[in-house]
Amino acid sequence: MKIIVSILVLASLLLVTSSLASATVSDAFGSGAAAPAPQIKDGPALETWCGQKCEGRCKEAGLKDRCLKYCGICCKDCQCVPSGTYGNKHECPCYRDKLTNKGTPKCP
């Protein structure tokens, strides 16, 4: 009986480990990384691109309207939005370094 339980536990651990490994690989090579804006300097194409990126960035924000506003401002200036809904600002230094007049981070 102990052998059967041990085999089941080992099999479960292998399944969990393999599913986590495949999720990590797909995140590393998927669309998760910050992508620079296409070579658009201004106009509706940049606004559309920033809108899509900021929608993803702000989808879990408590104050979504404010997040979208400031993300849009930062995206237009930097032409870059970090991946994910929080953090990852190292992917876009301009976005990371923008500050308010009080010295706090401007970009969500």
PDB file of N, CA and C in Angstrom:
ATOM      1  N   MET A   1       0.814  -1.190   0.000  1.00  0.00           N
ATOM      2  CA  MET A   1       0.000   0.000   0.000  1.00  0.00           C
ATOM      3  C   MET A   1       0.865   1.263   0.000  1.00  0.00           C
ATOM      4  N   LYS A   2       1.955   1.261   0.791  1.00  0.00           N
ATOM      5  CA  LYS A   2       2.845   2.416   0.845  1.00  0.00           C
ATOM      6  C   LYS A   2       3.502   2.671  -0.505  1.00  0.00           C
ATOM      7  N   ILE A   3       3.804   1.623  -1.237  1.00  0.00           N
ATOM      8  CA  ILE A   3       4.448   1.766  -2.537  1.00  0.00           C
ATOM      9  C   ILE A   3       3.494   2.447  -3.520  1.00  0.00           C
ATOM     10  N   ILE A   4       2.234   2.071  -3.503  1.00  0.00           N
ATOM     11  CA  ILE A   4       1.246   2.654  -4.413  1.00  0.00           C
ATOM     12  C   ILE A   4       1.066   4.141  -4.112  1.00  0.00           C
ATOM     13  N   VAL A   5       0.973   4.499  -2.834  1.00  0.00           N
ATOM     14  CA  VAL A   5       0.826   5.904  -2.448  1.00  0.00           C
ATOM     15  C   VAL A   5       2.070   6.687  -2.867  1.00  0.00           C
ATOM     16  N   SER A   6       3.237   6.124  -2.657  1.00  0.00           N
ATOM     17  CA  SER A   6       4.485   6.789  -3.049  1.00  0.00           C
ATOM     18  C   SER A   6       4.537   7.021  -4.559  1.00  0.00           C
ATOM     19  N   ILE A   7       4.125   6.043  -5.333  1.00  0.00           N
ATOM     20  CA  ILE A   7       4.113   6.173  -6.787  1.00  0.00           C
ATOM     21  C   ILE A   7       3.122   7.251  -7.226  1.00  0.00           C
ATOM     22  N   LEU A   8       1.966   7.300  -6.616  1.00  0.00           N
ATOM     23  CA  LEU A   8       0.975   8.316  -6.948  1.00  0.00           C
ATOM     24  C   LEU A   8       1.476   9.727  -6.616  1.00  0.00           C
ATOM     25  N   VAL A   9       2.108   9.874  -5.460  1.00  0.00           N
ATOM     26  CA  VAL A   9       2.651  11.178  -5.073  1.00  0.00           C
ATOM     27  C   VAL A   9       3.747  11.599  -6.051  1.00  0.00           C
ATOM     28  N   LEU A  10       4.626  10.691  -6.407  1.00  0.00           N
ATOM     29  CA  LEU A  10       5.703  10.995  -7.350  1.00  0.00           C
ATOM     30  C   LEU A  10       5.149  11.374  -8.719  1.00  0.00           C
ATOM     31  N   ALA A  11       4.154  10.647  -9.186  1.00  0.00           N
ATOM     32  CA  ALA A  11       3.527  10.948 -10.477  1.00  0.00           C
ATOM     33  C   ALA A  11       2.866  12.324 -10.451  1.00  0.00           C
ATOM     34  N   SER A  12       2.218  12.664  -9.345  1.00  0.00           N
ATOM     35  CA  SER A  12       1.574  13.976  -9.212  1.00  0.00           C
ATOM     36  C   SER A  12       2.609  15.089  -9.270  1.00  0.00           C
ATOM     37  N   LEU A  13       3.717  14.911  -8.566  1.00  0.00           N
ATOM     38  CA  LEU A  13       4.775  15.914  -8.579  1.00  0.00           C
ATOM     39  C   LEU A  13       5.364  16.103  -9.980  1.00  0.00           C
ATOM     40  N   LEU A  14       5.538  15.023 -10.700  1.00  0.00           N
ATOM     41  CA  LEU A  14       6.057  15.116 -12.062  1.00  0.00           C
ATOM     42  C   LEU A  14       5.096  15.873 -12.974  1.00  0.00           C
ATOM     43  N   LEU A  15       3.808  15.620 -12.837  1.00  0.00           N
ATOM     44  CA  LEU A  15       2.822  16.322 -13.658  1.00  0.00           C
ATOM     45  C   LEU A  15       2.800  17.814 -13.352  1.00  0.00           C
ATOM     46  N   VAL A  16       2.836  18.164 -12.082  1.00  0.00           N
ATOM     47  CA  VAL A  16       2.826  19.572 -11.696  1.00  0.00           C
ATOM     48  C   VAL A  16       4.084  20.262 -12.196  1.00  0.00           C
ATOM     49  N   THR A  17       5.226  19.625 -12.024  1.00  0.00           N
ATOM     50  CA  THR A  17       6.492  20.207 -12.459  1.00  0.00           C
ATOM     51  C   THR A  17       6.511  20.412 -13.968  1.00  0.00           C
ATOM     52  N   SER A  18       6.039  19.451 -14.724  1.00  0.00           N
ATOM     53  CA  SER A  18       6.056  19.589 -16.179  1.00  0.00           C
ATOM     54  C   SER A  18       5.094  20.674 -16.641  1.00  0.00           C
ATOM     55  N   SER A  19       3.949  20.834 -15.983  1.00  0.00           N
ATOM     56  CA  SER A  19       3.016  21.887 -16.385  1.00  0.00           C
ATOM     57  C   SER A  19       3.567  23.267 -16.048  1.00  0.00           C
ATOM     58  N   LEU A  20       4.259  23.401 -14.904  1.00  0.00           N
ATOM     59  CA  LEU A  20       4.886  24.678 -14.563  1.00  0.00           C
ATOM     60  C   LEU A  20       6.009  25.011 -15.526  1.00  0.00           C
ATOM     61  N   ALA A  21       6.784  24.030 -15.914  1.00  0.00           N
ATOM     62  CA  ALA A  21       7.884  24.268 -16.849  1.00  0.00           C
ATOM     63  C   ALA A  21       7.362  24.714 -18.202  1.00  0.00           C
ATOM     64  N   SER A  22       6.289  24.116 -18.687  1.00  0.00           N
ATOM     65  CA  SER A  22       5.751  24.522 -19.986  1.00  0.00           C
ATOM     66  C   SER A  22       5.147  25.911 -19.911  1.00  0.00           C
ATOM     67  N   ALA A  23       4.539  26.281 -18.780  1.00  0.00           N
ATOM     68  CA  ALA A  23       3.996  27.628 -18.630  1.00  0.00           C
ATOM     69  C   ALA A  23       5.109  28.651 -18.609  1.00  0.00           C
ATOM     70  N   THR A  24       6.217  28.360 -17.951  1.00  0.00           N
ATOM     71  CA  THR A  24       7.346  29.274 -17.897  1.00  0.00           C
ATOM     72  C   THR A  24       7.955  29.467 -19.275  1.00  0.00           C
ATOM     73  N   VAL A  25       8.107  28.417 -20.031  1.00  0.00           N
ATOM     74  CA  VAL A  25       8.675  28.518 -21.371  1.00  0.00           C
ATOM     75  C   VAL A  25       7.768  29.327 -22.275  1.00  0.00           C
ATOM     76  N   SER A  26       6.446  29.130 -22.188  1.00  0.00           N
ATOM     77  CA  SER A  26       5.541  29.879 -23.050  1.00  0.00           C
ATOM     78  C   SER A  26       5.532  31.354 -22.672  1.00  0.00           C
ATOM     79  N   ASP A  27       5.669  31.698 -21.366  1.00  0.00           N
ATOM     80  CA  ASP A  27       5.752  33.095 -20.975  1.00  0.00           C
ATOM     81  C   ASP A  27       7.039  33.732 -21.461  1.00  0.00           C
ATOM     82  N   ALA A  28       8.135  32.983 -21.430  1.00  0.00           N
ATOM     83  CA  ALA A  28       9.419  33.539 -21.827  1.00  0.00           C
ATOM     84  C   ALA A  28       9.474  33.841 -23.317  1.00  0.00           C
ATOM     85  N   PHE A  29       8.805  33.051 -24.127  1.00  0.00           N
ATOM     86  CA  PHE A  29       8.870  33.238 -25.563  1.00  0.00           C
ATOM     87  C   PHE A  29       7.576  33.774 -26.152  1.00  0.00           C
ATOM     88  N   GLY A  30       6.582  34.012 -25.309  1.00  0.00           N
ATOM     89  CA  GLY A  30       5.299  34.493 -25.794  1.00  0.00           C
ATOM     90  C   GLY A  30       5.315  35.993 -25.997  1.00  0.00           C
ATOM     91  N   SER A  31       4.149  36.603 -25.939  1.00  0.00           N
ATOM     92  CA  SER A  31       4.022  38.032 -26.198  1.00  0.00           C
ATOM     93  C   SER A  31       4.104  38.842 -24.918  1.00  0.00           C
ATOM     94  N   GLY A  32       4.664  38.285 -23.867  1.00  0.00           N
ATOM     95  CA  GLY A  32       4.698  38.960 -22.592  1.00  0.00           C
ATOM     96  C   GLY A  32       5.693  40.092 -22.500  1.00  0.00           C
ATOM     97  N   ALA A  33       6.758  40.080 -23.274  1.00  0.00           N
ATOM     98  CA  ALA A  33       7.792  41.100 -23.163  1.00  0.00           C
ATOM     99  C   ALA A  33       7.309  42.421 -23.733  1.00  0.00           C
ATOM    100  N   ALA A  34       7.853  43.502 -23.194  1.00  0.00           N
ATOM    101  CA  ALA A  34       7.502  44.826 -23.683  1.00  0.00           C
ATOM    102  C   ALA A  34       7.997  44.988 -25.105  1.00  0.00           C
ATOM    103  N   ALA A  35       7.134  45.473 -25.933  1.00  0.00           N
ATOM    104  CA  ALA A  35       7.506  45.697 -27.324  1.00  0.00           C
ATOM    105  C   ALA A  35       7.524  47.189 -27.568  1.00  0.00           C
ATOM    106  N   PRO A  36       8.539  47.678 -28.228  1.00  0.00           N
ATOM    107  CA  PRO A  36       8.544  49.100 -28.557  1.00  0.00           C
ATOM    108  C   PRO A  36       7.464  49.384 -29.581  1.00  0.00           C
ATOM    109  N   ALA A  37       7.002  50.601 -29.577  1.00  0.00           N
ATOM    110  CA  ALA A  37       5.973  50.993 -30.541  1.00  0.00           C
ATOM    111  C   ALA A  37       6.540  50.886 -31.945  1.00  0.00           C
ATOM    112  N   PRO A  38       5.690  50.591 -32.901  1.00  0.00           N
ATOM    113  CA  PRO A  38       6.165  50.620 -34.282  1.00  0.00           C
ATOM    114  C   PRO A  38       6.682  52.029 -34.596  1.00  0.00           C
ATOM    115  N   GLN A  39       7.363  52.192 -35.650  1.00  0.00           N
ATOM    116  CA  GLN A  39       7.973  53.484 -35.987  1.00  0.00           C
ATOM    117  C   GLN A  39       6.897  54.523 -36.296  1.00  0.00           C
ATOM    118  N   ILE A  40       6.141  54.885 -35.278  1.00  0.00           N
ATOM    119  CA  ILE A  40       5.081  55.875 -35.391  1.00  0.00           C
ATOM    120  C   ILE A  40       5.473  57.043 -34.500  1.00  0.00           C
ATOM    121  N   LYS A  41       5.518  58.211 -35.032  1.00  0.00           N
ATOM    122  CA  LYS A  41       5.915  59.371 -34.236  1.00  0.00           C
ATOM    123  C   LYS A  41       4.723  60.037 -33.562  1.00  0.00           C
ATOM    124  N   ASP A  42       3.567  60.012 -34.186  1.00  0.00           N
ATOM    125  CA  ASP A  42       2.417  60.708 -33.640  1.00  0.00           C
ATOM    126  C   ASP A  42       1.174  60.285 -34.405  1.00  0.00           C
ATOM    127  N   GLY A  43       0.024  60.671 -33.921  1.00  0.00           N
ATOM    128  CA  GLY A  43      -1.197  60.451 -34.658  1.00  0.00           C
ATOM    129  C   GLY A  43      -2.047  59.318 -34.145  1.00  0.00           C
ATOM    130  N   PRO A  44      -3.101  59.006 -34.916  1.00  0.00           N
ATOM    131  CA  PRO A  44      -4.064  58.006 -34.465  1.00  0.00           C
ATOM    132  C   PRO A  44      -3.496  56.597 -34.365  1.00  0.00           C
ATOM    133  N   ALA A  45      -2.509  56.270 -35.190  1.00  0.00           N
ATOM    134  CA  ALA A  45      -1.929  54.919 -35.116  1.00  0.00           C
ATOM    135  C   ALA A  45      -1.220  54.713 -33.778  1.00  0.00           C
ATOM    136  N   LEU A  46      -0.491  55.729 -33.319  1.00  0.00           N
ATOM    137  CA  LEU A  46       0.187  55.638 -32.021  1.00  0.00           C
ATOM    138  C   LEU A  46      -0.842  55.582 -30.894  1.00  0.00           C
ATOM    139  N   GLU A  47      -1.892  56.383 -30.990  1.00  0.00           N
ATOM    140  CA  GLU A  47      -2.932  56.374 -29.962  1.00  0.00           C
ATOM    141  C   GLU A  47      -3.605  54.997 -29.881  1.00  0.00           C
ATOM    142  N   THR A  48      -3.860  54.387 -31.026  1.00  0.00           N
ATOM    143  CA  THR A  48      -4.463  53.054 -31.044  1.00  0.00           C
ATOM    144  C   THR A  48      -3.532  52.032 -30.419  1.00  0.00           C
ATOM    145  N   TRP A  49      -2.250  52.085 -30.797  1.00  0.00           N
ATOM    146  CA  TRP A  49      -1.265  51.144 -30.256  1.00  0.00           C
ATOM    147  C   TRP A  49      -1.151  51.307 -28.742  1.00  0.00           C
ATOM    148  N   CYS A  50      -1.043  52.557 -28.282  1.00  0.00           N
ATOM    149  CA  CYS A  50      -0.930  52.818 -26.840  1.00  0.00           C
ATOM    150  C   CYS A  50      -2.203  52.396 -26.107  1.00  0.00           C
ATOM    151  N   GLY A  51      -3.348  52.633 -26.725  1.00  0.00           N
ATOM    152  CA  GLY A  51      -4.606  52.249 -26.097  1.00  0.00           C
ATOM    153  C   GLY A  51      -4.678  50.753 -25.842  1.00  0.00           C
ATOM    154  N   GLN A  52      -4.241  49.974 -26.815  1.00  0.00           N
ATOM    155  CA  GLN A  52      -4.256  48.518 -26.656  1.00  0.00           C
ATOM    156  C   GLN A  52      -3.290  48.074 -25.568  1.00  0.00           C
ATOM    157  N   LYS A  53      -2.075  48.632 -25.574  1.00  0.00           N
ATOM    158  CA  LYS A  53      -1.075  48.241 -24.572  1.00  0.00           C
ATOM    159  C   LYS A  53      -1.502  48.679 -23.168  1.00  0.00           C
ATOM    160  N   CYS A  54      -2.056  49.882 -23.046  1.00  0.00           N
ATOM    161  CA  CYS A  54      -2.469  50.379 -21.734  1.00  0.00           C
ATOM    162  C   CYS A  54      -3.699  49.644 -21.215  1.00  0.00           C
ATOM    163  N   GLU A  55      -4.561  49.214 -22.108  1.00  0.00           N
ATOM    164  CA  GLU A  55      -5.725  48.424 -21.683  1.00  0.00           C
ATOM    165  C   GLU A  55      -5.266  47.147 -20.985  1.00  0.00           C
ATOM    166  N   GLY A  56      -4.259  46.496 -21.540  1.00  0.00           N
ATOM    167  CA  GLY A  56      -3.703  45.300 -20.915  1.00  0.00           C
ATOM    168  C   GLY A  56      -2.986  45.613 -19.615  1.00  0.00           C
ATOM    169  N   ARG A  57      -2.249  46.719 -19.585  1.00  0.00           N
ATOM    170  CA  ARG A  57      -1.502  47.116 -18.396  1.00  0.00           C
ATOM    171  C   ARG A  57      -2.437  47.471 -17.241  1.00  0.00           C
ATOM    172  N   CYS A  58      -3.569  48.090 -17.541  1.00  0.00           N
ATOM    173  CA  CYS A  58      -4.459  48.616 -16.501  1.00  0.00           C
ATOM    174  C   CYS A  58      -5.676  47.732 -16.224  1.00  0.00           C
ATOM    175  N   LYS A  59      -5.721  46.536 -16.791  1.00  0.00           N
ATOM    176  CA  LYS A  59      -6.939  45.724 -16.661  1.00  0.00           C
ATOM    177  C   LYS A  59      -7.259  45.331 -15.231  1.00  0.00           C
ATOM    178  N   GLU A  60      -6.283  45.296 -14.330  1.00  0.00           N
ATOM    179  CA  GLU A  60      -6.540  44.928 -12.934  1.00  0.00           C
ATOM    180  C   GLU A  60      -6.411  46.104 -11.971  1.00  0.00           C
ATOM    181  N   ALA A  61      -6.288  47.319 -12.501  1.00  0.00           N
ATOM    182  CA  ALA A  61      -6.098  48.496 -11.653  1.00  0.00           C
ATOM    183  C   ALA A  61      -7.369  48.830 -10.888  1.00  0.00           C
ATOM    184  N   GLY A  62      -7.206  49.309  -9.676  1.00  0.00           N
ATOM    185  CA  GLY A  62      -8.351  49.731  -8.875  1.00  0.00           C
ATOM    186  C   GLY A  62      -8.988  50.986  -9.442  1.00  0.00           C
ATOM    187  N   LEU A  63      -8.165  51.930  -9.871  1.00  0.00           N
ATOM    188  CA  LEU A  63      -8.635  53.169 -10.494  1.00  0.00           C
ATOM    189  C   LEU A  63      -8.279  53.104 -11.980  1.00  0.00           C
ATOM    190  N   LYS A  64      -9.071  52.347 -12.719  1.00  0.00           N
ATOM    191  CA  LYS A  64      -8.750  52.043 -14.112  1.00  0.00           C
ATOM    192  C   LYS A  64      -8.692  53.302 -14.982  1.00  0.00           C
ATOM    193  N   ASP A  65      -9.605  54.250 -14.783  1.00  0.00           N
ATOM    194  CA  ASP A  65      -9.612  55.469 -15.602  1.00  0.00           C
ATOM    195  C   ASP A  65      -8.313  56.249 -15.428  1.00  0.00           C
ATOM    196  N   ARG A  66      -7.868  56.383 -14.178  1.00  0.00           N
ATOM    197  CA  ARG A  66      -6.634  57.117 -13.898  1.00  0.00           C
ATOM    198  C   ARG A  66      -5.432  56.375 -14.471  1.00  0.00           C
ATOM    199  N   CYS A  67      -5.429  55.062 -14.317  1.00  0.00           N
ATOM    200  CA  CYS A  67      -4.338  54.245 -14.849  1.00  0.00           C
ATOM    201  C   CYS A  67      -4.245  54.411 -16.365  1.00  0.00           C
ATOM    202  N   LEU A  68      -5.382  54.329 -17.050  1.00  0.00           N
ATOM    203  CA  LEU A  68      -5.388  54.475 -18.509  1.00  0.00           C
ATOM    204  C   LEU A  68      -4.909  55.861 -18.942  1.00  0.00           C
ATOM    205  N   LYS A  69      -5.313  56.892 -18.193  1.00  0.00           N
ATOM    206  CA  LYS A  69      -4.904  58.255 -18.525  1.00  0.00           C
ATOM    207  C   LYS A  69      -3.382  58.409 -18.466  1.00  0.00           C
ATOM    208  N   TYR A  70      -2.803  58.020 -17.343  1.00  0.00           N
ATOM    209  CA  TYR A  70      -1.367  58.214 -17.171  1.00  0.00           C
ATOM    210  C   TYR A  70      -0.538  57.231 -17.998  1.00  0.00           C
ATOM    211  N   CYS A  71      -1.040  56.042 -18.173  1.00  0.00           N
ATOM    212  CA  CYS A  71      -0.354  55.090 -19.045  1.00  0.00           C
ATOM    213  C   CYS A  71      -0.321  55.632 -20.471  1.00  0.00           C
ATOM    214  N   GLY A  72      -1.440  56.215 -20.920  1.00  0.00           N
ATOM    215  CA  GLY A  72      -1.498  56.796 -22.260  1.00  0.00           C
ATOM    216  C   GLY A  72      -0.519  57.936 -22.440  1.00  0.00           C
ATOM    217  N   ILE A  73      -0.425  58.804 -21.433  1.00  0.00           N
ATOM    218  CA  ILE A  73       0.521  59.922 -21.499  1.00  0.00           C
ATOM    219  C   ILE A  73       1.949  59.400 -21.591  1.00  0.00           C
ATOM    220  N   CYS A  74       2.276  58.439 -20.726  1.00  0.00           N
ATOM    221  CA  CYS A  74       3.636  57.884 -20.707  1.00  0.00           C
ATOM    222  C   CYS A  74       3.941  57.134 -22.000  1.00  0.00           C
ATOM    223  N   CYS A  75       2.976  56.406 -22.521  1.00  0.00           N
ATOM    224  CA  CYS A  75       3.182  55.637 -23.746  1.00  0.00           C
ATOM    225  C   CYS A  75       3.458  56.559 -24.928  1.00  0.00           C
ATOM    226  N   LYS A  76       2.717  57.649 -25.024  1.00  0.00           N
ATOM    227  CA  LYS A  76       2.922  58.584 -26.138  1.00  0.00           C
ATOM    228  C   LYS A  76       4.298  59.231 -26.067  1.00  0.00           C
ATOM    229  N   ASP A  77       4.748  59.538 -24.847  1.00  0.00           N
ATOM    230  CA  ASP A  77       6.076  60.148 -24.693  1.00  0.00           C
ATOM    231  C   ASP A  77       7.193  59.124 -24.918  1.00  0.00           C
ATOM    232  N   CYS A  78       7.036  57.930 -24.365  1.00  0.00           N
ATOM    233  CA  CYS A  78       8.114  56.927 -24.385  1.00  0.00           C
ATOM    234  C   CYS A  78       7.997  55.934 -25.537  1.00  0.00           C
ATOM    235  N   GLN A  79       6.809  55.815 -26.109  1.00  0.00           N
ATOM    236  CA  GLN A  79       6.514  54.827 -27.145  1.00  0.00           C
ATOM    237  C   GLN A  79       6.882  53.416 -26.696  1.00  0.00           C
ATOM    238  N   CYS A  80       6.528  53.122 -25.439  1.00  0.00           N
ATOM    239  CA  CYS A  80       6.812  51.819 -24.846  1.00  0.00           C
ATOM    240  C   CYS A  80       5.920  51.653 -23.626  1.00  0.00           C
ATOM    241  N   VAL A  81       5.435  50.419 -23.406  1.00  0.00           N
ATOM    242  CA  VAL A  81       4.662  50.082 -22.212  1.00  0.00           C
ATOM    243  C   VAL A  81       5.191  48.747 -21.698  1.00  0.00           C
ATOM    244  N   PRO A  82       5.560  48.670 -20.413  1.00  0.00           N
ATOM    245  CA  PRO A  82       6.056  47.397 -19.869  1.00  0.00           C
ATOM    246  C   PRO A  82       4.993  46.307 -19.919  1.00  0.00           C
ATOM    247  N   SER A  83       5.429  45.072 -19.971  1.00  0.00           N
ATOM    248  CA  SER A  83       4.505  43.945 -20.008  1.00  0.00           C
ATOM    249  C   SER A  83       3.887  43.722 -18.637  1.00  0.00           C
ATOM    250  N   GLY A  84       2.789  43.020 -18.615  1.00  0.00           N
ATOM    251  CA  GLY A  84       2.130  42.677 -17.366  1.00  0.00           C
ATOM    252  C   GLY A  84       1.275  43.808 -16.837  1.00  0.00           C
ATOM    253  N   THR A  85       0.661  43.563 -15.681  1.00  0.00           N
ATOM    254  CA  THR A  85      -0.225  44.551 -15.079  1.00  0.00           C
ATOM    255  C   THR A  85       0.456  45.357 -13.975  1.00  0.00           C
ATOM    256  N   TYR A  86       1.667  44.943 -13.584  1.00  0.00           N
ATOM    257  CA  TYR A  86       2.385  45.647 -12.517  1.00  0.00           C
ATOM    258  C   TYR A  86       3.866  45.324 -12.638  1.00  0.00           C
ATOM    259  N   GLY A  87       4.710  46.280 -12.310  1.00  0.00           N
ATOM    260  CA  GLY A  87       6.149  46.038 -12.334  1.00  0.00           C
ATOM    261  C   GLY A  87       6.697  45.978 -13.748  1.00  0.00           C
ATOM    262  N   ASN A  88       7.795  45.294 -13.915  1.00  0.00           N
ATOM    263  CA  ASN A  88       8.484  45.118 -15.201  1.00  0.00           C
ATOM    264  C   ASN A  88       8.905  46.444 -15.833  1.00  0.00           C
ATOM    265  N   LYS A  89       9.025  47.496 -15.035  1.00  0.00           N
ATOM    266  CA  LYS A  89       9.376  48.806 -15.591  1.00  0.00           C
ATOM    267  C   LYS A  89      10.803  48.850 -16.118  1.00  0.00           C
ATOM    268  N   HIS A  90      11.622  47.862 -15.763  1.00  0.00           N
ATOM    269  CA  HIS A  90      12.985  47.806 -16.295  1.00  0.00           C
ATOM    270  C   HIS A  90      12.973  47.592 -17.808  1.00  0.00           C
ATOM    271  N   GLU A  91      11.856  47.101 -18.352  1.00  0.00           N
ATOM    272  CA  GLU A  91      11.753  46.879 -19.792  1.00  0.00           C
ATOM    273  C   GLU A  91      11.631  48.179 -20.572  1.00  0.00           C
ATOM    274  N   CYS A  92      11.260  49.246 -19.893  1.00  0.00           N
ATOM    275  CA  CYS A  92      11.030  50.529 -20.559  1.00  0.00           C
ATOM    276  C   CYS A  92      11.560  51.656 -19.662  1.00  0.00           C
ATOM    277  N   PRO A  93      12.842  51.981 -19.765  1.00  0.00           N
ATOM    278  CA  PRO A  93      13.456  52.954 -18.856  1.00  0.00           C
ATOM    279  C   PRO A  93      12.784  54.337 -18.866  1.00  0.00           C
ATOM    280  N   CYS A  94      12.375  54.824 -20.018  1.00  0.00           N
ATOM    281  CA  CYS A  94      11.701  56.121 -20.093  1.00  0.00           C
ATOM    282  C   CYS A  94      10.431  56.095 -19.261  1.00  0.00           C
ATOM    283  N   TYR A  95       9.662  55.050 -19.409  1.00  0.00           N
ATOM    284  CA  TYR A  95       8.410  54.857 -18.679  1.00  0.00           C
ATOM    285  C   TYR A  95       8.696  54.790 -17.176  1.00  0.00           C
ATOM    286  N   ARG A  96       9.757  54.097 -16.817  1.00  0.00           N
ATOM    287  CA  ARG A  96      10.136  53.921 -15.409  1.00  0.00           C
ATOM    288  C   ARG A  96      10.572  55.241 -14.783  1.00  0.00           C
ATOM    289  N   ASP A  97      11.280  56.083 -15.526  1.00  0.00           N
ATOM    290  CA  ASP A  97      11.917  57.269 -14.963  1.00  0.00           C
ATOM    291  C   ASP A  97      11.036  58.516 -14.944  1.00  0.00           C
ATOM    292  N   LYS A  98       9.864  58.481 -15.525  1.00  0.00           N
ATOM    293  CA  LYS A  98       8.977  59.648 -15.506  1.00  0.00           C
ATOM    294  C   LYS A  98       8.449  59.849 -14.091  1.00  0.00           C
ATOM    295  N   LEU A  99       8.543  61.090 -13.605  1.00  0.00           N
ATOM    296  CA  LEU A  99       8.108  61.412 -12.247  1.00  0.00           C
ATOM    297  C   LEU A  99       7.110  62.558 -12.260  1.00  0.00           C
ATOM    298  N   THR A 100       6.239  62.595 -11.241  1.00  0.00           N
ATOM    299  CA  THR A 100       5.334  63.720 -11.065  1.00  0.00           C
ATOM    300  C   THR A 100       6.121  64.877 -10.455  1.00  0.00           C
ATOM    301  N   ASN A 101       5.461  66.041 -10.314  1.00  0.00           N
ATOM    302  CA  ASN A 101       6.146  67.180  -9.693  1.00  0.00           C
ATOM    303  C   ASN A 101       6.424  66.936  -8.209  1.00  0.00           C
ATOM    304  N   LYS A 102       5.814  65.904  -7.625  1.00  0.00           N
ATOM    305  CA  LYS A 102       6.083  65.542  -6.224  1.00  0.00           C
ATOM    306  C   LYS A 102       7.180  64.507  -6.100  1.00  0.00           C
ATOM    307  N   GLY A 103       7.725  64.039  -7.237  1.00  0.00           N
ATOM    308  CA  GLY A 103       8.810  63.062  -7.208  1.00  0.00           C
ATOM    309  C   GLY A 103       8.366  61.616  -7.140  1.00  0.00           C
ATOM    310  N   THR A 104       7.076  61.361  -7.318  1.00  0.00           N
ATOM    311  CA  THR A 104       6.579  59.983  -7.316  1.00  0.00           C
ATOM    312  C   THR A 104       6.462  59.490  -8.758  1.00  0.00           C
ATOM    313  N   PRO A 105       6.463  58.180  -8.970  1.00  0.00           N
ATOM    314  CA  PRO A 105       6.359  57.667 -10.336  1.00  0.00           C
ATOM    315  C   PRO A 105       5.067  58.109 -11.017  1.00  0.00           C
ATOM    316  N   LYS A 106       5.193  58.592 -12.234  1.00  0.00           N
ATOM    317  CA  LYS A 106       4.039  59.070 -12.987  1.00  0.00           C
ATOM    318  C   LYS A 106       3.321  57.924 -13.690  1.00  0.00           C
ATOM    319  N   CYS A 107       4.078  56.977 -14.196  1.00  0.00           N
ATOM    320  CA  CYS A 107       3.519  55.935 -15.042  1.00  0.00           C
ATOM    321  C   CYS A 107       3.138  54.710 -14.207  1.00  0.00           C
ATOM    322  N   PRO A 108       1.936  54.181 -14.466  1.00  0.00           N
ATOM    323  CA  PRO A 108       1.495  52.998 -13.688  1.00  0.00           C
ATOM    324  C   PRO A 108       2.214  51.730 -14.085  1.00  0.00           C
TER     325      PRO A 108
END
